[in-house]
Amino acid sequence: MNTREFKPGDIVKHFKRETLSAEELATNMYLYQIIGIAEHTETKEKLIVYKALYDKDFMCARPYDMFMSEVDREKYPDIKQKYRFELN
């Protein structure tokens, strides 16, 4: 069983949340709610659909594998979070 499976309604944080000031953290920046999993109609690629909690009109879709990937340690060596998105 994959313990990193997200379900609709889960609140997740993007790793860049670690870089925010206390004032910015209060704005819910880099917090998202999972809407569900979708499939691209032509390529069949699995996508995660999610919405920003800091902007009610901002909805996103990202390839599942990218959403579940680990943080790029070469680009972001000081980030403590292991994965790009984790449960908040």
PDB file of N, CA and C in Angstrom:
ATOM      1  N   MET A   1       0.841  -1.195   0.000  1.00  0.00           N
ATOM      2  CA  MET A   1       0.000   0.000   0.000  1.00  0.00           C
ATOM      3  C   MET A   1       0.875   1.244   0.000  1.00  0.00           C
ATOM      4  N   ASN A   2       0.567   2.193  -0.866  1.00  0.00           N
ATOM      5  CA  ASN A   2       1.296   3.445  -0.930  1.00  0.00           C
ATOM      6  C   ASN A   2       0.750   4.370   0.151  1.00  0.00           C
ATOM      7  N   THR A   3       1.561   4.688   1.133  1.00  0.00           N
ATOM      8  CA  THR A   3       1.115   5.545   2.231  1.00  0.00           C
ATOM      9  C   THR A   3       1.050   7.004   1.811  1.00  0.00           C
ATOM     10  N   ARG A   4       1.454   7.309   0.603  1.00  0.00           N
ATOM     11  CA  ARG A   4       1.420   8.682   0.100  1.00  0.00           C
ATOM     12  C   ARG A   4       0.262   8.914  -0.844  1.00  0.00           C
ATOM     13  N   GLU A   5      -0.713   8.042  -0.867  1.00  0.00           N
ATOM     14  CA  GLU A   5      -1.904   8.268  -1.699  1.00  0.00           C
ATOM     15  C   GLU A   5      -2.720   9.382  -1.068  1.00  0.00           C
ATOM     16  N   PHE A   6      -3.096  10.345  -1.866  1.00  0.00           N
ATOM     17  CA  PHE A   6      -3.950  11.423  -1.385  1.00  0.00           C
ATOM     18  C   PHE A   6      -5.377  11.167  -1.841  1.00  0.00           C
ATOM     19  N   LYS A   7      -6.319  11.663  -1.067  1.00  0.00           N
ATOM     20  CA  LYS A   7      -7.737  11.491  -1.416  1.00  0.00           C
ATOM     21  C   LYS A   7      -8.397  12.862  -1.509  1.00  0.00           C
ATOM     22  N   PRO A   8      -9.518  12.959  -2.218  1.00  0.00           N
ATOM     23  CA  PRO A   8     -10.223  14.235  -2.320  1.00  0.00           C
ATOM     24  C   PRO A   8     -10.496  14.811  -0.934  1.00  0.00           C
ATOM     25  N   GLY A   9     -10.221  16.101  -0.802  1.00  0.00           N
ATOM     26  CA  GLY A   9     -10.417  16.788   0.469  1.00  0.00           C
ATOM     27  C   GLY A   9      -9.145  16.954   1.275  1.00  0.00           C
ATOM     28  N   ASP A  10      -8.119  16.119   1.006  1.00  0.00           N
ATOM     29  CA  ASP A  10      -6.854  16.251   1.735  1.00  0.00           C
ATOM     30  C   ASP A  10      -6.241  17.624   1.486  1.00  0.00           C
ATOM     31  N   ILE A  11      -5.634  18.187   2.532  1.00  0.00           N
ATOM     32  CA  ILE A  11      -4.901  19.448   2.419  1.00  0.00           C
ATOM     33  C   ILE A  11      -3.413  19.094   2.376  1.00  0.00           C
ATOM     34  N   VAL A  12      -2.743  19.592   1.339  1.00  0.00           N
ATOM     35  CA  VAL A  12      -1.318  19.311   1.161  1.00  0.00           C
ATOM     36  C   VAL A  12      -0.541  20.615   1.121  1.00  0.00           C
ATOM     37  N   LYS A  13       0.735  20.514   1.472  1.00  0.00           N
ATOM     38  CA  LYS A  13       1.620  21.675   1.423  1.00  0.00           C
ATOM     39  C   LYS A  13       2.725  21.424   0.406  1.00  0.00           C
ATOM     40  N   HIS A  14       3.042  22.447  -0.345  1.00  0.00           N
ATOM     41  CA  HIS A  14       4.157  22.416  -1.282  1.00  0.00           C
ATOM     42  C   HIS A  14       5.427  22.715  -0.491  1.00  0.00           C
ATOM     43  N   PHE A  15       6.537  22.123  -0.896  1.00  0.00           N
ATOM     44  CA  PHE A  15       7.780  22.291  -0.139  1.00  0.00           C
ATOM     45  C   PHE A  15       8.224  23.749  -0.021  1.00  0.00           C
ATOM     46  N   LYS A  16       7.844  24.603  -0.953  1.00  0.00           N
ATOM     47  CA  LYS A  16       8.275  26.006  -0.890  1.00  0.00           C
ATOM     48  C   LYS A  16       7.655  26.746   0.283  1.00  0.00           C
ATOM     49  N   ARG A  17       6.678  26.119   0.931  1.00  0.00           N
ATOM     50  CA  ARG A  17       6.077  26.714   2.127  1.00  0.00           C
ATOM     51  C   ARG A  17       7.133  26.939   3.204  1.00  0.00           C
ATOM     52  N   GLU A  18       8.178  26.105   3.199  1.00  0.00           N
ATOM     53  CA  GLU A  18       9.263  26.257   4.179  1.00  0.00           C
ATOM     54  C   GLU A  18      10.010  27.579   4.041  1.00  0.00           C
ATOM     55  N   THR A  19       9.926  28.206   2.897  1.00  0.00           N
ATOM     56  CA  THR A  19      10.693  29.428   2.634  1.00  0.00           C
ATOM     57  C   THR A  19       9.934  30.698   3.029  1.00  0.00           C
ATOM     58  N   LEU A  20       8.708  30.566   3.516  1.00  0.00           N
ATOM     59  CA  LEU A  20       7.866  31.733   3.793  1.00  0.00           C
ATOM     60  C   LEU A  20       8.113  32.323   5.174  1.00  0.00           C
ATOM     61  N   SER A  21       7.848  33.617   5.286  1.00  0.00           N
ATOM     62  CA  SER A  21       7.897  34.298   6.579  1.00  0.00           C
ATOM     63  C   SER A  21       6.632  33.953   7.363  1.00  0.00           C
ATOM     64  N   ALA A  22       6.603  34.308   8.637  1.00  0.00           N
ATOM     65  CA  ALA A  22       5.426  34.050   9.478  1.00  0.00           C
ATOM     66  C   ALA A  22       4.190  34.748   8.913  1.00  0.00           C
ATOM     67  N   GLU A  23       4.357  35.960   8.404  1.00  0.00           N
ATOM     68  CA  GLU A  23       3.230  36.697   7.832  1.00  0.00           C
ATOM     69  C   GLU A  23       2.703  35.987   6.583  1.00  0.00           C
ATOM     70  N   GLU A  24       3.607  35.501   5.761  1.00  0.00           N
ATOM     71  CA  GLU A  24       3.201  34.800   4.538  1.00  0.00           C
ATOM     72  C   GLU A  24       2.522  33.473   4.859  1.00  0.00           C
ATOM     73  N   LEU A  25       2.985  32.792   5.898  1.00  0.00           N
ATOM     74  CA  LEU A  25       2.362  31.521   6.295  1.00  0.00           C
ATOM     75  C   LEU A  25       0.892  31.715   6.653  1.00  0.00           C
ATOM     76  N   ALA A  26       0.566  32.856   7.201  1.00  0.00           N
ATOM     77  CA  ALA A  26      -0.815  33.146   7.599  1.00  0.00           C
ATOM     78  C   ALA A  26      -1.750  33.282   6.395  1.00  0.00           C
ATOM     79  N   THR A  27      -1.204  33.456   5.208  1.00  0.00           N
ATOM     80  CA  THR A  27      -2.031  33.632   4.006  1.00  0.00           C
ATOM     81  C   THR A  27      -2.410  32.312   3.343  1.00  0.00           C
ATOM     82  N   ASN A  28      -1.976  31.184   3.898  1.00  0.00           N
ATOM     83  CA  ASN A  28      -2.209  29.853   3.323  1.00  0.00           C
ATOM     84  C   ASN A  28      -1.449  29.635   2.013  1.00  0.00           C
ATOM     85  N   MET A  29      -0.442  30.470   1.734  1.00  0.00           N
ATOM     86  CA  MET A  29       0.360  30.311   0.528  1.00  0.00           C
ATOM     87  C   MET A  29       0.975  28.917   0.486  1.00  0.00           C
ATOM     88  N   TYR A  30       0.923  28.310  -0.673  1.00  0.00           N
ATOM     89  CA  TYR A  30       1.452  26.960  -0.920  1.00  0.00           C
ATOM     90  C   TYR A  30       0.683  25.864  -0.175  1.00  0.00           C
ATOM     91  N   LEU A  31      -0.570  26.146   0.186  1.00  0.00           N
ATOM     92  CA  LEU A  31      -1.463  25.105   0.706  1.00  0.00           C
ATOM     93  C   LEU A  31      -2.534  24.840  -0.343  1.00  0.00           C
ATOM     94  N   TYR A  32      -2.839  23.555  -0.534  1.00  0.00           N
ATOM     95  CA  TYR A  32      -3.775  23.156  -1.588  1.00  0.00           C
ATOM     96  C   TYR A  32      -4.711  22.075  -1.078  1.00  0.00           C
ATOM     97  N   GLN A  33      -5.900  22.020  -1.665  1.00  0.00           N
ATOM     98  CA  GLN A  33      -6.852  20.951  -1.361  1.00  0.00           C
ATOM     99  C   GLN A  33      -6.970  20.050  -2.585  1.00  0.00           C
ATOM    100  N   ILE A  34      -6.836  18.760  -2.349  1.00  0.00           N
ATOM    101  CA  ILE A  34      -6.955  17.792  -3.427  1.00  0.00           C
ATOM    102  C   ILE A  34      -8.420  17.714  -3.866  1.00  0.00           C
ATOM    103  N   ILE A  35      -8.642  17.860  -5.169  1.00  0.00           N
ATOM    104  CA  ILE A  35      -9.984  17.719  -5.739  1.00  0.00           C
ATOM    105  C   ILE A  35     -10.190  16.266  -6.181  1.00  0.00           C
ATOM    106  N   GLY A  36      -9.189  15.702  -6.821  1.00  0.00           N
ATOM    107  CA  GLY A  36      -9.278  14.315  -7.251  1.00  0.00           C
ATOM    108  C   GLY A  36      -8.195  13.959  -8.249  1.00  0.00           C
ATOM    109  N   ILE A  37      -8.322  12.780  -8.800  1.00  0.00           N
ATOM    110  CA  ILE A  37      -7.391  12.295  -9.817  1.00  0.00           C
ATOM    111  C   ILE A  37      -8.144  12.257 -11.137  1.00  0.00           C
ATOM    112  N   ALA A  38      -7.503  12.761 -12.171  1.00  0.00           N
ATOM    113  CA  ALA A  38      -8.104  12.803 -13.503  1.00  0.00           C
ATOM    114  C   ALA A  38      -7.216  12.039 -14.474  1.00  0.00           C
ATOM    115  N   GLU A  39      -7.768  11.777 -15.646  1.00  0.00           N
ATOM    116  CA  GLU A  39      -7.009  11.128 -16.711  1.00  0.00           C
ATOM    117  C   GLU A  39      -7.097  11.999 -17.961  1.00  0.00           C
ATOM    118  N   HIS A  40      -5.947  12.306 -18.527  1.00  0.00           N
ATOM    119  CA  HIS A  40      -5.908  13.075 -19.764  1.00  0.00           C
ATOM    120  C   HIS A  40      -6.663  12.280 -20.828  1.00  0.00           C
ATOM    121  N   THR A  41      -7.580  12.923 -21.526  1.00  0.00           N
ATOM    122  CA  THR A  41      -8.460  12.203 -22.446  1.00  0.00           C
ATOM    123  C   THR A  41      -7.750  11.628 -23.662  1.00  0.00           C
ATOM    124  N   GLU A  42      -6.620  12.196 -24.053  1.00  0.00           N
ATOM    125  CA  GLU A  42      -5.911  11.684 -25.228  1.00  0.00           C
ATOM    126  C   GLU A  42      -4.710  10.815 -24.871  1.00  0.00           C
ATOM    127  N   THR A  43      -3.936  11.251 -23.870  1.00  0.00           N
ATOM    128  CA  THR A  43      -2.699  10.514 -23.552  1.00  0.00           C
ATOM    129  C   THR A  43      -2.891   9.467 -22.461  1.00  0.00           C
ATOM    130  N   LYS A  44      -4.018   9.553 -21.744  1.00  0.00           N
ATOM    131  CA  LYS A  44      -4.314   8.664 -20.604  1.00  0.00           C
ATOM    132  C   LYS A  44      -3.402   8.927 -19.407  1.00  0.00           C
ATOM    133  N   GLU A  45      -2.640  10.028 -19.461  1.00  0.00           N
ATOM    134  CA  GLU A  45      -1.757  10.370 -18.339  1.00  0.00           C
ATOM    135  C   GLU A  45      -2.601  10.670 -17.106  1.00  0.00           C
ATOM    136  N   LYS A  46      -2.162  10.172 -15.959  1.00  0.00           N
ATOM    137  CA  LYS A  46      -2.829  10.378 -14.680  1.00  0.00           C
ATOM    138  C   LYS A  46      -2.430  11.757 -14.141  1.00  0.00           C
ATOM    139  N   LEU A  47      -3.434  12.542 -13.712  1.00  0.00           N
ATOM    140  CA  LEU A  47      -3.205  13.896 -13.211  1.00  0.00           C
ATOM    141  C   LEU A  47      -3.834  14.055 -11.829  1.00  0.00           C
ATOM    142  N   ILE A  48      -3.207  14.867 -11.002  1.00  0.00           N
ATOM    143  CA  ILE A  48      -3.808  15.274  -9.732  1.00  0.00           C
ATOM    144  C   ILE A  48      -4.439  16.637  -9.970  1.00  0.00           C
ATOM    145  N   VAL A  49      -5.691  16.792  -9.573  1.00  0.00           N
ATOM    146  CA  VAL A  49      -6.391  18.072  -9.682  1.00  0.00           C
ATOM    147  C   VAL A  49      -6.498  18.630  -8.264  1.00  0.00           C
ATOM    148  N   TYR A  50      -6.098  19.892  -8.105  1.00  0.00           N
ATOM    149  CA  TYR A  50      -6.094  20.493  -6.780  1.00  0.00           C
ATOM    150  C   TYR A  50      -6.342  21.991  -6.884  1.00  0.00           C
ATOM    151  N   LYS A  51      -6.787  22.591  -5.766  1.00  0.00           N
ATOM    152  CA  LYS A  51      -7.051  24.026  -5.770  1.00  0.00           C
ATOM    153  C   LYS A  51      -6.261  24.705  -4.664  1.00  0.00           C
ATOM    154  N   ALA A  52      -5.863  25.927  -4.955  1.00  0.00           N
ATOM    155  CA  ALA A  52      -5.099  26.724  -4.001  1.00  0.00           C
ATOM    156  C   ALA A  52      -6.015  27.216  -2.885  1.00  0.00           C
ATOM    157  N   LEU A  53      -5.542  27.138  -1.651  1.00  0.00           N
ATOM    158  CA  LEU A  53      -6.323  27.662  -0.525  1.00  0.00           C
ATOM    159  C   LEU A  53      -6.090  29.157  -0.341  1.00  0.00           C
ATOM    160  N   TYR A  54      -5.104  29.712  -1.032  1.00  0.00           N
ATOM    161  CA  TYR A  54      -4.814  31.136  -0.933  1.00  0.00           C
ATOM    162  C   TYR A  54      -5.498  31.948  -2.034  1.00  0.00           C
ATOM    163  N   ASP A  55      -6.144  31.264  -2.982  1.00  0.00           N
ATOM    164  CA  ASP A  55      -6.830  31.945  -4.080  1.00  0.00           C
ATOM    165  C   ASP A  55      -7.989  31.060  -4.528  1.00  0.00           C
ATOM    166  N   LYS A  56      -9.206  31.417  -4.148  1.00  0.00           N
ATOM    167  CA  LYS A  56     -10.360  30.542  -4.400  1.00  0.00           C
ATOM    168  C   LYS A  56     -10.611  30.259  -5.872  1.00  0.00           C
ATOM    169  N   ASP A  57     -10.059  31.070  -6.759  1.00  0.00           N
ATOM    170  CA  ASP A  57     -10.290  30.882  -8.195  1.00  0.00           C
ATOM    171  C   ASP A  57      -9.168  30.129  -8.898  1.00  0.00           C
ATOM    172  N   PHE A  58      -8.151  29.701  -8.173  1.00  0.00           N
ATOM    173  CA  PHE A  58      -6.981  29.079  -8.786  1.00  0.00           C
ATOM    174  C   PHE A  58      -7.025  27.560  -8.627  1.00  0.00           C
ATOM    175  N   MET A  59      -7.269  26.871  -9.727  1.00  0.00           N
ATOM    176  CA  MET A  59      -7.309  25.411  -9.732  1.00  0.00           C
ATOM    177  C   MET A  59      -6.205  24.919 -10.658  1.00  0.00           C
ATOM    178  N   CYS A  60      -5.585  23.798 -10.294  1.00  0.00           N
ATOM    179  CA  CYS A  60      -4.432  23.282 -11.023  1.00  0.00           C
ATOM    180  C   CYS A  60      -4.594  21.800 -11.338  1.00  0.00           C
ATOM    181  N   ALA A  61      -3.846  21.359 -12.320  1.00  0.00           N
ATOM    182  CA  ALA A  61      -3.696  19.934 -12.609  1.00  0.00           C
ATOM    183  C   ALA A  61      -2.220  19.709 -12.882  1.00  0.00           C
ATOM    184  N   ARG A  62      -1.677  18.679 -12.293  1.00  0.00           N
ATOM    185  CA  ARG A  62      -0.264  18.371 -12.442  1.00  0.00           C
ATOM    186  C   ARG A  62      -0.128  16.876 -12.690  1.00  0.00           C
ATOM    187  N   PRO A  63       0.805  16.467 -13.540  1.00  0.00           N
ATOM    188  CA  PRO A  63       1.016  15.037 -13.738  1.00  0.00           C
ATOM    189  C   PRO A  63       1.247  14.337 -12.393  1.00  0.00           C
ATOM    190  N   TYR A  64       0.601  13.209 -12.223  1.00  0.00           N
ATOM    191  CA  TYR A  64       0.662  12.456 -10.969  1.00  0.00           C
ATOM    192  C   TYR A  64       2.101  12.196 -10.523  1.00  0.00           C
ATOM    193  N   ASP A  65       2.945  11.728 -11.444  1.00  0.00           N
ATOM    194  CA  ASP A  65       4.320  11.403 -11.073  1.00  0.00           C
ATOM    195  C   ASP A  65       5.082  12.629 -10.588  1.00  0.00           C
ATOM    196  N   MET A  66       4.850  13.780 -11.203  1.00  0.00           N
ATOM    197  CA  MET A  66       5.500  15.012 -10.771  1.00  0.00           C
ATOM    198  C   MET A  66       4.977  15.430  -9.404  1.00  0.00           C
ATOM    199  N   PHE A  67       3.675  15.351  -9.211  1.00  0.00           N
ATOM    200  CA  PHE A  67       3.058  15.727  -7.943  1.00  0.00           C
ATOM    201  C   PHE A  67       3.640  14.893  -6.799  1.00  0.00           C
ATOM    202  N   MET A  68       3.866  13.625  -7.048  1.00  0.00           N
ATOM    203  CA  MET A  68       4.336  12.695  -6.013  1.00  0.00           C
ATOM    204  C   MET A  68       5.863  12.655  -5.884  1.00  0.00           C
ATOM    205  N   SER A  69       6.581  13.396  -6.714  1.00  0.00           N
ATOM    206  CA  SER A  69       8.047  13.295  -6.749  1.00  0.00           C
ATOM    207  C   SER A  69       8.708  13.920  -5.526  1.00  0.00           C
ATOM    208  N   GLU A  70       9.969  13.549  -5.338  1.00  0.00           N
ATOM    209  CA  GLU A  70      10.777  14.118  -4.272  1.00  0.00           C
ATOM    210  C   GLU A  70      11.267  15.503  -4.674  1.00  0.00           C
ATOM    211  N   VAL A  71      11.600  16.305  -3.670  1.00  0.00           N
ATOM    212  CA  VAL A  71      12.175  17.626  -3.899  1.00  0.00           C
ATOM    213  C   VAL A  71      13.531  17.453  -4.579  1.00  0.00           C
ATOM    214  N   ASP A  72      13.825  18.306  -5.537  1.00  0.00           N
ATOM    215  CA  ASP A  72      15.115  18.310  -6.230  1.00  0.00           C
ATOM    216  C   ASP A  72      16.169  18.867  -5.268  1.00  0.00           C
ATOM    217  N   ARG A  73      16.992  17.986  -4.709  1.00  0.00           N
ATOM    218  CA  ARG A  73      17.986  18.372  -3.701  1.00  0.00           C
ATOM    219  C   ARG A  73      19.124  19.212  -4.283  1.00  0.00           C
ATOM    220  N   GLU A  74      19.390  19.085  -5.558  1.00  0.00           N
ATOM    221  CA  GLU A  74      20.426  19.922  -6.164  1.00  0.00           C
ATOM    222  C   GLU A  74      19.949  21.366  -6.261  1.00  0.00           C
ATOM    223  N   LYS A  75      18.704  21.550  -6.618  1.00  0.00           N
ATOM    224  CA  LYS A  75      18.141  22.885  -6.778  1.00  0.00           C
ATOM    225  C   LYS A  75      17.732  23.501  -5.445  1.00  0.00           C
ATOM    226  N   TYR A  76      17.271  22.678  -4.502  1.00  0.00           N
ATOM    227  CA  TYR A  76      16.778  23.144  -3.207  1.00  0.00           C
ATOM    228  C   TYR A  76      17.445  22.365  -2.073  1.00  0.00           C
ATOM    229  N   PRO A  77      18.740  22.570  -1.844  1.00  0.00           N
ATOM    230  CA  PRO A  77      19.475  21.756  -0.855  1.00  0.00           C
ATOM    231  C   PRO A  77      19.048  21.973   0.598  1.00  0.00           C
ATOM    232  N   ASP A  78      18.436  23.096   0.913  1.00  0.00           N
ATOM    233  CA  ASP A  78      18.097  23.406   2.303  1.00  0.00           C
ATOM    234  C   ASP A  78      16.671  23.039   2.704  1.00  0.00           C
ATOM    235  N   ILE A  79      15.896  22.526   1.775  1.00  0.00           N
ATOM    236  CA  ILE A  79      14.511  22.150   2.074  1.00  0.00           C
ATOM    237  C   ILE A  79      14.499  20.856   2.886  1.00  0.00           C
ATOM    238  N   LYS A  80      13.726  20.851   3.968  1.00  0.00           N
ATOM    239  CA  LYS A  80      13.638  19.664   4.834  1.00  0.00           C
ATOM    240  C   LYS A  80      12.595  18.660   4.351  1.00  0.00           C
ATOM    241  N   GLN A  81      11.516  19.169   3.736  1.00  0.00           N
ATOM    242  CA  GLN A  81      10.443  18.297   3.265  1.00  0.00           C
ATOM    243  C   GLN A  81      10.990  17.340   2.208  1.00  0.00           C
ATOM    244  N   LYS A  82      10.627  16.074   2.288  1.00  0.00           N
ATOM    245  CA  LYS A  82      11.161  15.071   1.363  1.00  0.00           C
ATOM    246  C   LYS A  82      10.497  15.139  -0.010  1.00  0.00           C
ATOM    247  N   TYR A  83       9.174  15.299  -0.032  1.00  0.00           N
ATOM    248  CA  TYR A  83       8.431  15.253  -1.281  1.00  0.00           C
ATOM    249  C   TYR A  83       7.916  16.634  -1.677  1.00  0.00           C
ATOM    250  N   ARG A  84       7.677  16.805  -2.962  1.00  0.00           N
ATOM    251  CA  ARG A  84       7.149  18.069  -3.496  1.00  0.00           C
ATOM    252  C   ARG A  84       5.878  18.483  -2.760  1.00  0.00           C
ATOM    253  N   PHE A  85       4.959  17.543  -2.560  1.00  0.00           N
ATOM    254  CA  PHE A  85       3.720  17.786  -1.818  1.00  0.00           C
ATOM    255  C   PHE A  85       3.592  16.737  -0.725  1.00  0.00           C
ATOM    256  N   GLU A  86       3.200  17.184   0.472  1.00  0.00           N
ATOM    257  CA  GLU A  86       2.952  16.283   1.603  1.00  0.00           C
ATOM    258  C   GLU A  86       1.705  16.754   2.322  1.00  0.00           C
ATOM    259  N   LEU A  87       1.093  15.837   3.068  1.00  0.00           N
ATOM    260  CA  LEU A  87      -0.066  16.224   3.878  1.00  0.00           C
ATOM    261  C   LEU A  87       0.317  17.341   4.821  1.00  0.00           C
ATOM    262  N   ASN A  88      -0.585  18.270   5.001  1.00  0.00           N
ATOM    263  CA  ASN A  88      -0.317  19.400   5.900  1.00  0.00           C
ATOM    264  C   ASN A  88      -0.596  18.998   7.341  1.00  0.00           C
TER     265      ASN A  88
END
